[in-house]
All heavy atoms as atom14 arrays in JSON, in Angstrom:
{
  "sequence": "LIQLVQEGHVRGWDDPRMPTLSGVRRRGFPPEALRE",
  "atom14_mask": [
    [1, 1, 1, 1, 1, 1, 1, 1, 0, 0, 0, 0, 0, 0],
    [1, 1, 1, 1, 1, 1, 1, 1, 0, 0, 0, 0, 0, 0],
    [1, 1, 1, 1, 1, 1, 1, 1, 1, 0, 0, 0, 0, 0],
    [1, 1, 1, 1, 1, 1, 1, 1, 0, 0, 0, 0, 0, 0],
    [1, 1, 1, 1, 1, 1, 1, 0, 0, 0, 0, 0, 0, 0],
    [1, 1, 1, 1, 1, 1, 1, 1, 1, 0, 0, 0, 0, 0],
    [1, 1, 1, 1, 1, 1, 1, 1, 1, 0, 0, 0, 0, 0],
    [1, 1, 1, 1, 0, 0, 0, 0, 0, 0, 0, 0, 0, 0],
    [1, 1, 1, 1, 1, 1, 1, 1, 1, 1, 0, 0, 0, 0],
    [1, 1, 1, 1, 1, 1, 1, 0, 0, 0, 0, 0, 0, 0],
    [1, 1, 1, 1, 1, 1, 1, 1, 1, 1, 1, 0, 0, 0],
    [1, 1, 1, 1, 0, 0, 0, 0, 0, 0, 0, 0, 0, 0],
    [1, 1, 1, 1, 1, 1, 1, 1, 1, 1, 1, 1, 1, 1],
    [1, 1, 1, 1, 1, 1, 1, 1, 0, 0, 0, 0, 0, 0],
    [1, 1, 1, 1, 1, 1, 1, 1, 0, 0, 0, 0, 0, 0],
    [1, 1, 1, 1, 1, 1, 1, 0, 0, 0, 0, 0, 0, 0],
    [1, 1, 1, 1, 1, 1, 1, 1, 1, 1, 1, 0, 0, 0],
    [1, 1, 1, 1, 1, 1, 1, 1, 0, 0, 0, 0, 0, 0],
    [1, 1, 1, 1, 1, 1, 1, 0, 0, 0, 0, 0, 0, 0],
    [1, 1, 1, 1, 1, 1, 1, 0, 0, 0, 0, 0, 0, 0],
    [1, 1, 1, 1, 1, 1, 1, 1, 0, 0, 0, 0, 0, 0],
    [1, 1, 1, 1, 1, 1, 0, 0, 0, 0, 0, 0, 0, 0],
    [1, 1, 1, 1, 0, 0, 0, 0, 0, 0, 0, 0, 0, 0],
    [1, 1, 1, 1, 1, 1, 1, 0, 0, 0, 0, 0, 0, 0],
    [1, 1, 1, 1, 1, 1, 1, 1, 1, 1, 1, 0, 0, 0],
    [1, 1, 1, 1, 1, 1, 1, 1, 1, 1, 1, 0, 0, 0],
    [1, 1, 1, 1, 1, 1, 1, 1, 1, 1, 1, 0, 0, 0],
    [1, 1, 1, 1, 0, 0, 0, 0, 0, 0, 0, 0, 0, 0],
    [1, 1, 1, 1, 1, 1, 1, 1, 1, 1, 1, 0, 0, 0],
    [1, 1, 1, 1, 1, 1, 1, 0, 0, 0, 0, 0, 0, 0],
    [1, 1, 1, 1, 1, 1, 1, 0, 0, 0, 0, 0, 0, 0],
    [1, 1, 1, 1, 1, 1, 1, 1, 1, 0, 0, 0, 0, 0],
    [1, 1, 1, 1, 1, 0, 0, 0, 0, 0, 0, 0, 0, 0],
    [1, 1, 1, 1, 1, 1, 1, 1, 0, 0, 0, 0, 0, 0],
    [1, 1, 1, 1, 1, 1, 1, 1, 1, 1, 1, 0, 0, 0],
    [1, 1, 1, 1, 1, 1, 1, 1, 1, 0, 0, 0, 0, 0]
  ],
  "atom14_positions": [
    [[32.87, -7.06, -55.9], [33.79, -6.53, -54.91], [33.05, -5.71, -53.86], [33.36, -5.79, -52.66], [34.87, -5.68, -55.6], [35.8, -6.43, -56.55], [36.78, -5.47, -57.2], [36.56, -7.53, -55.82], [0.0, 0.0, 0.0], [0.0, 0.0, 0.0], [0.0, 0.0, 0.0], [0.0, 0.0, 0.0], [0.0, 0.0, 0.0], [0.0, 0.0, 0.0]],
    [[32.06, -4.93, -54.31], [31.24, -4.17, -53.36], [30.51, -5.12, -52.42], [30.43, -4.88, -51.2], [30.24, -3.27, -54.13], [30.98, -2.12, -54.82], [29.17, -2.72, -53.19], [30.1, -1.3, -55.75], [0.0, 0.0, 0.0], [0.0, 0.0, 0.0], [0.0, 0.0, 0.0], [0.0, 0.0, 0.0], [0.0, 0.0, 0.0], [0.0, 0.0, 0.0]],
    [[30.01, -6.22, -52.96], [29.3, -7.2, -52.14], [30.23, -7.82, -51.09], [29.84, -8.02, -49.94], [28.7, -8.29, -53.03], [27.76, -9.25, -52.29], [27.08, -10.22, -53.25], [27.17, -10.08, -54.47], [26.41, -11.21, -52.68], [0.0, 0.0, 0.0], [0.0, 0.0, 0.0], [0.0, 0.0, 0.0], [0.0, 0.0, 0.0], [0.0, 0.0, 0.0]],
    [[31.46, -8.13, -51.48], [32.42, -8.69, -50.53], [32.66, -7.73, -49.36], [32.76, -8.15, -48.21], [33.74, -8.98, -51.24], [33.78, -10.17, -52.21], [35.09, -10.18, -52.98], [33.59, -11.49, -51.46], [0.0, 0.0, 0.0], [0.0, 0.0, 0.0], [0.0, 0.0, 0.0], [0.0, 0.0, 0.0], [0.0, 0.0, 0.0], [0.0, 0.0, 0.0]],
    [[32.74, -6.45, -49.68], [32.99, -5.44, -48.65], [31.76, -5.23, -47.78], [31.83, -5.28, -46.54], [33.44, -4.11, -49.29], [33.53, -3.01, -48.23], [34.78, -4.27, -49.99], [0.0, 0.0, 0.0], [0.0, 0.0, 0.0], [0.0, 0.0, 0.0], [0.0, 0.0, 0.0], [0.0, 0.0, 0.0], [0.0, 0.0, 0.0], [0.0, 0.0, 0.0]],
    [[30.63, -5.0, -48.42], [29.42, -4.65, -47.66], [28.92, -5.79, -46.79], [28.34, -5.55, -45.73], [28.33, -4.19, -48.63], [28.63, -2.87, -49.3], [27.54, -2.4, -50.24], [26.67, -3.17, -50.64], [27.58, -1.13, -50.62], [0.0, 0.0, 0.0], [0.0, 0.0, 0.0], [0.0, 0.0, 0.0], [0.0, 0.0, 0.0], [0.0, 0.0, 0.0]],
    [[29.14, -7.03, -47.22], [28.69, -8.17, -46.44], [29.73, -8.69, -45.46], [29.51, -9.68, -44.77], [28.25, -9.3, -47.38], [27.03, -8.94, -48.23], [26.58, -10.07, -49.13], [27.17, -11.18, -49.05], [25.64, -9.86, -49.92], [0.0, 0.0, 0.0], [0.0, 0.0, 0.0], [0.0, 0.0, 0.0], [0.0, 0.0, 0.0], [0.0, 0.0, 0.0]],
    [[30.87, -8.01, -45.37], [31.87, -8.34, -44.36], [32.69, -9.58, -44.62], [33.26, -10.16, -43.69], [0.0, 0.0, 0.0], [0.0, 0.0, 0.0], [0.0, 0.0, 0.0], [0.0, 0.0, 0.0], [0.0, 0.0, 0.0], [0.0, 0.0, 0.0], [0.0, 0.0, 0.0], [0.0, 0.0, 0.0], [0.0, 0.0, 0.0], [0.0, 0.0, 0.0]],
    [[32.8, -10.0, -45.88], [33.61, -11.18, -46.18], [35.11, -10.84, -46.14], [35.93, -11.76, -46.08], [33.24, -11.72, -47.56], [31.81, -12.14, -47.68], [31.29, -13.24, -47.03], [30.76, -11.59, -48.36], [30.01, -13.37, -47.32], [29.66, -12.37, -48.11], [0.0, 0.0, 0.0], [0.0, 0.0, 0.0], [0.0, 0.0, 0.0], [0.0, 0.0, 0.0]],
    [[35.43, -9.56, -46.2], [36.82, -9.09, -46.13], [36.86, -7.91, -45.17], [35.83, -7.4, -44.72], [37.34, -8.66, -47.53], [37.47, -9.87, -48.45], [36.42, -7.61, -48.15], [0.0, 0.0, 0.0], [0.0, 0.0, 0.0], [0.0, 0.0, 0.0], [0.0, 0.0, 0.0], [0.0, 0.0, 0.0], [0.0, 0.0, 0.0], [0.0, 0.0, 0.0]],
    [[38.07, -7.46, -44.86], [38.25, -6.38, -43.9], [37.83, -5.01, -44.45], [37.6, -4.08, -43.69], [39.72, -6.29, -43.49], [40.21, -7.48, -42.66], [41.72, -7.35, -42.42], [42.24, -8.47, -41.62], [42.4, -8.44, -40.31], [42.07, -7.36, -39.63], [42.88, -9.47, -39.67], [0.0, 0.0, 0.0], [0.0, 0.0, 0.0], [0.0, 0.0, 0.0]],
    [[37.76, -4.9, -45.75], [37.41, -3.62, -46.38], [37.97, -3.59, -47.78], [38.51, -4.57, -48.3], [0.0, 0.0, 0.0], [0.0, 0.0, 0.0], [0.0, 0.0, 0.0], [0.0, 0.0, 0.0], [0.0, 0.0, 0.0], [0.0, 0.0, 0.0], [0.0, 0.0, 0.0], [0.0, 0.0, 0.0], [0.0, 0.0, 0.0], [0.0, 0.0, 0.0]],
    [[37.86, -2.42, -48.43], [38.35, -2.27, -49.79], [39.84, -2.53, -49.89], [40.34, -2.99, -50.93], [38.04, -0.88, -50.32], [36.63, -0.68, -50.74], [35.65, -0.01, -50.06], [36.01, -1.13, -51.96], [34.47, -0.03, -50.76], [34.66, -0.71, -51.94], [36.47, -1.86, -53.06], [33.78, -0.99, -52.97], [35.59, -2.15, -54.1], [34.26, -1.71, -54.05]],
    [[40.59, -2.22, -48.83], [42.05, -2.41, -48.88], [42.49, -3.68, -48.18], [43.67, -3.81, -47.8], [42.76, -1.19, -48.29], [42.51, -1.01, -46.79], [41.6, -1.68, -46.26], [43.22, -0.19, -46.17], [0.0, 0.0, 0.0], [0.0, 0.0, 0.0], [0.0, 0.0, 0.0], [0.0, 0.0, 0.0], [0.0, 0.0, 0.0], [0.0, 0.0, 0.0]],
    [[41.58, -4.62, -47.99], [41.97, -5.92, -47.46], [43.03, -6.51, -48.4], [42.86, -6.5, -49.62], [40.75, -6.84, -47.39], [41.03, -8.17, -46.72], [41.91, -8.92, -47.22], [40.38, -8.49, -45.71], [0.0, 0.0, 0.0], [0.0, 0.0, 0.0], [0.0, 0.0, 0.0], [0.0, 0.0, 0.0], [0.0, 0.0, 0.0], [0.0, 0.0, 0.0]],
    [[44.14, -7.03, -47.87], [45.2, -7.56, -48.74], [44.78, -8.73, -49.62], [45.51, -9.08, -50.55], [46.28, -7.99, -47.74], [46.07, -7.1, -46.55], [44.58, -6.95, -46.46], [0.0, 0.0, 0.0], [0.0, 0.0, 0.0], [0.0, 0.0, 0.0], [0.0, 0.0, 0.0], [0.0, 0.0, 0.0], [0.0, 0.0, 0.0], [0.0, 0.0, 0.0]],
    [[43.63, -9.33, -49.35], [43.13, -10.39, -50.23], [42.36, -9.84, -51.42], [42.1, -10.56, -52.39], [42.21, -11.33, -49.44], [42.91, -12.15, -48.37], [41.9, -12.78, -47.43], [41.22, -11.77, -46.62], [40.29, -12.04, -45.71], [39.91, -13.29, -45.53], [39.74, -11.07, -45.02], [0.0, 0.0, 0.0], [0.0, 0.0, 0.0], [0.0, 0.0, 0.0]],
    [[41.98, -8.58, -51.34], [41.19, -7.97, -52.41], [42.08, -7.62, -53.6], [43.22, -7.18, -53.44], [40.51, -6.71, -51.89], [39.37, -6.97, -50.92], [37.85, -7.47, -51.78], [37.23, -5.84, -52.25], [0.0, 0.0, 0.0], [0.0, 0.0, 0.0], [0.0, 0.0, 0.0], [0.0, 0.0, 0.0], [0.0, 0.0, 0.0], [0.0, 0.0, 0.0]],
    [[41.55, -7.77, -54.83], [42.33, -7.41, -56.02], [42.25, -5.93, -56.34], [42.46, -5.52, -57.49], [41.67, -8.25, -57.11], [40.23, -8.31, -56.71], [40.25, -8.39, -55.2], [0.0, 0.0, 0.0], [0.0, 0.0, 0.0], [0.0, 0.0, 0.0], [0.0, 0.0, 0.0], [0.0, 0.0, 0.0], [0.0, 0.0, 0.0], [0.0, 0.0, 0.0]],
    [[41.91, -5.11, -55.34], [41.91, -3.67, -55.53], [43.34, -3.15, -55.46], [44.22, -3.77, -54.86], [41.07, -2.98, -54.43], [41.57, -3.4, -53.14], [39.61, -3.36, -54.54], [0.0, 0.0, 0.0], [0.0, 0.0, 0.0], [0.0, 0.0, 0.0], [0.0, 0.0, 0.0], [0.0, 0.0, 0.0], [0.0, 0.0, 0.0], [0.0, 0.0, 0.0]],
    [[43.58, -2.0, -56.07], [44.93, -1.44, -56.01], [45.29, -1.06, -54.59], [46.45, -1.19, -54.18], [45.04, -0.23, -56.95], [44.81, -0.52, -58.44], [45.18, 0.7, -59.28], [45.59, -1.74, -58.89], [0.0, 0.0, 0.0], [0.0, 0.0, 0.0], [0.0, 0.0, 0.0], [0.0, 0.0, 0.0], [0.0, 0.0, 0.0], [0.0, 0.0, 0.0]],
    [[44.31, -0.59, -53.81], [44.6, -0.3, -52.41], [44.87, -1.58, -51.63], [45.67, -1.58, -50.68], [43.44, 0.48, -51.77], [42.22, -0.23, -51.92], [0.0, 0.0, 0.0], [0.0, 0.0, 0.0], [0.0, 0.0, 0.0], [0.0, 0.0, 0.0], [0.0, 0.0, 0.0], [0.0, 0.0, 0.0], [0.0, 0.0, 0.0], [0.0, 0.0, 0.0]],
    [[44.24, -2.68, -52.03], [44.47, -3.96, -51.37], [45.86, -4.5, -51.65], [46.57, -4.94, -50.73], [0.0, 0.0, 0.0], [0.0, 0.0, 0.0], [0.0, 0.0, 0.0], [0.0, 0.0, 0.0], [0.0, 0.0, 0.0], [0.0, 0.0, 0.0], [0.0, 0.0, 0.0], [0.0, 0.0, 0.0], [0.0, 0.0, 0.0], [0.0, 0.0, 0.0]],
    [[46.27, -4.51, -52.92], [47.6, -5.04, -53.23], [48.7, -4.1, -52.74], [49.8, -4.55, -52.42], [47.75, -5.34, -54.75], [46.74, -6.38, -55.19], [47.65, -4.08, -55.59], [0.0, 0.0, 0.0], [0.0, 0.0, 0.0], [0.0, 0.0, 0.0], [0.0, 0.0, 0.0], [0.0, 0.0, 0.0], [0.0, 0.0, 0.0], [0.0, 0.0, 0.0]],
    [[48.41, -2.81, -52.67], [49.38, -1.87, -52.09], [49.58, -2.19, -50.61], [50.72, -2.24, -50.11], [48.9, -0.44, -52.28], [49.86, 0.6, -51.7], [49.57, 2.0, -52.21], [48.28, 2.52, -51.8], [47.26, 2.75, -52.63], [47.38, 2.45, -53.92], [46.14, 3.25, -52.19], [0.0, 0.0, 0.0], [0.0, 0.0, 0.0], [0.0, 0.0, 0.0]],
    [[48.48, -2.42, -49.89], [48.59, -2.76, -48.47], [49.29, -4.11, -48.29], [50.0, -4.32, -47.3], [47.19, -2.81, -47.85], [47.19, -3.11, -46.36], [45.8, -3.01, -45.78], [45.78, -3.31, -44.36], [44.69, -3.31, -43.6], [43.52, -3.01, -44.14], [44.76, -3.62, -42.31], [0.0, 0.0, 0.0], [0.0, 0.0, 0.0], [0.0, 0.0, 0.0]],
    [[49.12, -5.0, -49.25], [49.77, -6.31, -49.17], [51.27, -6.21, -49.41], [52.02, -7.11, -49.06], [49.13, -7.25, -50.18], [49.6, -8.69, -50.06], [48.65, -9.63, -50.72], [49.11, -10.99, -50.7], [48.34, -12.05, -50.95], [47.07, -11.87, -51.23], [48.84, -13.27, -50.92], [0.0, 0.0, 0.0], [0.0, 0.0, 0.0], [0.0, 0.0, 0.0]],
    [[51.7, -5.12, -50.04], [53.13, -4.92, -50.26], [53.56, -5.07, -51.69], [54.77, -5.05, -51.99], [0.0, 0.0, 0.0], [0.0, 0.0, 0.0], [0.0, 0.0, 0.0], [0.0, 0.0, 0.0], [0.0, 0.0, 0.0], [0.0, 0.0, 0.0], [0.0, 0.0, 0.0], [0.0, 0.0, 0.0], [0.0, 0.0, 0.0], [0.0, 0.0, 0.0]],
    [[52.62, -5.18, -52.63], [53.0, -5.26, -54.04], [53.61, -3.92, -54.46], [53.01, -2.87, -54.26], [51.77, -5.53, -54.93], [51.26, -6.94, -54.88], [51.57, -7.79, -53.83], [50.46, -7.42, -55.9], [51.08, -9.09, -53.79], [49.97, -8.71, -55.88], [50.28, -9.55, -54.82], [0.0, 0.0, 0.0], [0.0, 0.0, 0.0], [0.0, 0.0, 0.0]],
    [[54.79, -3.92, -55.07], [55.35, -2.66, -55.56], [54.69, -2.26, -56.87], [54.33, -3.12, -57.69], [56.83, -2.98, -55.76], [56.87, -4.46, -55.97], [55.72, -5.05, -55.23], [0.0, 0.0, 0.0], [0.0, 0.0, 0.0], [0.0, 0.0, 0.0], [0.0, 0.0, 0.0], [0.0, 0.0, 0.0], [0.0, 0.0, 0.0], [0.0, 0.0, 0.0]],
    [[54.51, -0.97, -57.12], [53.87, -0.54, -58.37], [54.64, -0.98, -59.61], [54.04, -1.25, -60.65], [53.83, 0.99, -58.24], [54.86, 1.33, -57.22], [54.89, 0.18, -56.27], [0.0, 0.0, 0.0], [0.0, 0.0, 0.0], [0.0, 0.0, 0.0], [0.0, 0.0, 0.0], [0.0, 0.0, 0.0], [0.0, 0.0, 0.0], [0.0, 0.0, 0.0]],
    [[55.97, -1.08, -59.49], [56.77, -1.53, -60.63], [56.36, -2.94, -61.06], [56.4, -3.27, -62.25], [58.26, -1.51, -60.28], [58.81, -0.16, -59.91], [58.66, 0.16, -58.43], [57.95, -0.6, -57.71], [59.22, 1.18, -57.99], [0.0, 0.0, 0.0], [0.0, 0.0, 0.0], [0.0, 0.0, 0.0], [0.0, 0.0, 0.0], [0.0, 0.0, 0.0]],
    [[55.98, -3.77, -60.09], [55.57, -5.14, -60.4], [54.27, -5.16, -61.19], [54.1, -5.97, -62.11], [55.43, -5.95, -59.12], [0.0, 0.0, 0.0], [0.0, 0.0, 0.0], [0.0, 0.0, 0.0], [0.0, 0.0, 0.0], [0.0, 0.0, 0.0], [0.0, 0.0, 0.0], [0.0, 0.0, 0.0], [0.0, 0.0, 0.0], [0.0, 0.0, 0.0]],
    [[53.34, -4.27, -60.85], [52.08, -4.21, -61.59], [52.3, -3.7, -63.0], [51.69, -4.21, -63.95], [51.07, -3.32, -60.85], [50.11, -4.07, -59.92], [50.88, -4.68, -58.75], [49.02, -3.15, -59.41], [0.0, 0.0, 0.0], [0.0, 0.0, 0.0], [0.0, 0.0, 0.0], [0.0, 0.0, 0.0], [0.0, 0.0, 0.0], [0.0, 0.0, 0.0]],
    [[53.18, -2.73, -63.15], [53.47, -2.23, -64.49], [54.13, -3.33, -65.33], [53.82, -3.49, -66.52], [54.36, -0.98, -64.42], [53.7, 0.21, -63.73], [54.39, 1.52, -64.08], [55.78, 1.54, -63.66], [56.22, 2.0, -62.49], [55.34, 2.47, -61.61], [57.5, 2.02, -62.2], [0.0, 0.0, 0.0], [0.0, 0.0, 0.0], [0.0, 0.0, 0.0]],
    [[55.03, -4.08, -64.72], [55.68, -5.18, -65.44], [54.67, -6.26, -65.8], [54.69, -6.81, -66.91], [56.79, -5.78, -64.56], [57.45, -7.03, -65.11], [58.22, -6.8, -66.4], [58.54, -5.63, -66.7], [58.5, -7.79, -67.1], [0.0, 0.0, 0.0], [0.0, 0.0, 0.0], [0.0, 0.0, 0.0], [0.0, 0.0, 0.0], [0.0, 0.0, 0.0]]
  ]
}
């Protein structure tokens, strides 16, 4: 994931394509869905 960010393959840590929590939050995933 660090490599994807540092090499510019994504917009950053919160890119909506990233499986980071900041990424899925920016994409619009509700926290209730992750808990479920």
